[in-house]
């Protein structure tokens, strides 16, 4: 039987500090993204109603 099978291991633990976005900037960027989606969809719908549907 060996007296110390694990021996003296030195383990370095890496600590990381993650900086999260503040809630206000995250909400603002998400709002801008979805507002752009809505504007593009309304633009496509306006184009369809104004120019494509009258052709039929």
C-alpha atoms as a PDB file:
ATOM      1  CA  UNK A   1       0.000   0.000   0.000  1.00  0.00           C
ATOM      2  CA  UNK A   2       1.467   3.300  -1.082  1.00  0.00           C
ATOM      3  CA  UNK A   3       1.435   5.958   1.630  1.00  0.00           C
ATOM      4  CA  UNK A   4       0.379   8.965  -0.494  1.00  0.00           C
ATOM      5  CA  UNK A   5      -1.033   8.052  -3.889  1.00  0.00           C
ATOM      6  CA  UNK A   6      -2.398  11.477  -4.757  1.00  0.00           C
ATOM      7  CA  UNK A   7       0.795  13.284  -3.778  1.00  0.00           C
ATOM      8  CA  UNK A   8       0.672  16.987  -3.195  1.00  0.00           C
ATOM      9  CA  UNK A   9      -1.106  18.438  -6.230  1.00  0.00           C
ATOM     10  CA  UNK A  10      -1.189  22.162  -6.638  1.00  0.00           C
ATOM     11  CA  UNK A  11      -4.280  23.145  -8.566  1.00  0.00           C
ATOM     12  CA  UNK A  12      -4.649  26.662  -9.881  1.00  0.00           C
ATOM     13  CA  UNK A  13      -8.215  27.868 -10.051  1.00  0.00           C
ATOM     14  CA  UNK A  14      -8.906  30.493 -12.680  1.00  0.00           C
ATOM     15  CA  UNK A  15     -11.325  33.207 -11.613  1.00  0.00           C
ATOM     16  CA  UNK A  16     -13.066  35.226 -14.277  1.00  0.00           C
ATOM     17  CA  UNK A  17     -15.151  38.305 -13.827  1.00  0.00           C
ATOM     18  CA  UNK A  18     -17.772  38.553 -16.531  1.00  0.00           C
ATOM     19  CA  UNK A  19     -19.125  42.015 -17.096  1.00  0.00           C
ATOM     20  CA  UNK A  20     -22.739  41.781 -18.154  1.00  0.00           C
ATOM     21  CA  UNK A  21     -24.465  44.548 -20.043  1.00  0.00           C
ATOM     22  CA  UNK A  22     -26.594  46.712 -17.863  1.00  0.00           C
ATOM     23  CA  UNK A  23     -30.306  46.103 -18.196  1.00  0.00           C
ATOM     24  CA  UNK A  24     -31.032  49.489 -19.779  1.00  0.00           C
ATOM     25  CA  UNK A  25     -28.574  49.037 -22.650  1.00  0.00           C
ATOM     26  CA  UNK A  26     -29.750  45.480 -23.269  1.00  0.00           C
ATOM     27  CA  UNK A  27     -33.392  46.583 -23.367  1.00  0.00           C
ATOM     28  CA  UNK A  28     -32.558  49.521 -25.637  1.00  0.00           C
ATOM     29  CA  UNK A  29     -30.606  47.419 -28.139  1.00  0.00           C
ATOM     30  CA  UNK A  30     -33.351  44.784 -28.209  1.00  0.00           C
ATOM     31  CA  UNK A  31     -35.998  47.473 -28.736  1.00  0.00           C
ATOM     32  CA  UNK A  32     -34.042  48.990 -31.635  1.00  0.00           C
ATOM     33  CA  UNK A  33     -33.606  45.571 -33.243  1.00  0.00           C
ATOM     34  CA  UNK A  34     -37.316  44.686 -33.077  1.00  0.00           C
ATOM     35  CA  UNK A  35     -38.383  48.199 -34.075  1.00  0.00           C
ATOM     36  CA  UNK A  36     -36.266  47.793 -37.226  1.00  0.00           C
ATOM     37  CA  UNK A  37     -37.984  44.449 -37.928  1.00  0.00           C
ATOM     38  CA  UNK A  38     -41.424  46.055 -37.559  1.00  0.00           C
ATOM     39  CA  UNK A  39     -40.518  49.009 -39.804  1.00  0.00           C
ATOM     40  CA  UNK A  40     -39.208  46.654 -42.512  1.00  0.00           C
ATOM     41  CA  UNK A  41     -42.367  44.502 -42.344  1.00  0.00           C
ATOM     42  CA  UNK A  42     -44.619  47.558 -42.581  1.00  0.00           C
ATOM     43  CA  UNK A  43     -42.533  48.809 -45.515  1.00  0.00           C
ATOM     44  CA  UNK A  44     -43.020  45.516 -47.345  1.00  0.00           C
ATOM     45  CA  UNK A  45     -46.747  45.532 -46.603  1.00  0.00           C
ATOM     46  CA  UNK A  46     -47.043  49.146 -47.782  1.00  0.00           C
ATOM     47  CA  UNK A  47     -45.254  48.239 -51.027  1.00  0.00           C
ATOM     48  CA  UNK A  48     -47.563  45.265 -51.577  1.00  0.00           C
ATOM     49  CA  UNK A  49     -50.753  47.249 -50.922  1.00  0.00           C
ATOM     50  CA  UNK A  50     -49.664  50.337 -52.860  1.00  0.00           C
ATOM     51  CA  UNK A  51     -48.060  48.807 -55.959  1.00  0.00           C
ATOM     52  CA  UNK A  52     -48.641  45.056 -56.260  1.00  0.00           C
ATOM     53  CA  UNK A  53     -52.308  44.627 -55.301  1.00  0.00           C
ATOM     54  CA  UNK A  54     -53.631  47.337 -57.674  1.00  0.00           C
ATOM     55  CA  UNK A  55     -52.160  45.368 -60.598  1.00  0.00           C
ATOM     56  CA  UNK A  56     -54.751  42.619 -60.085  1.00  0.00           C
END
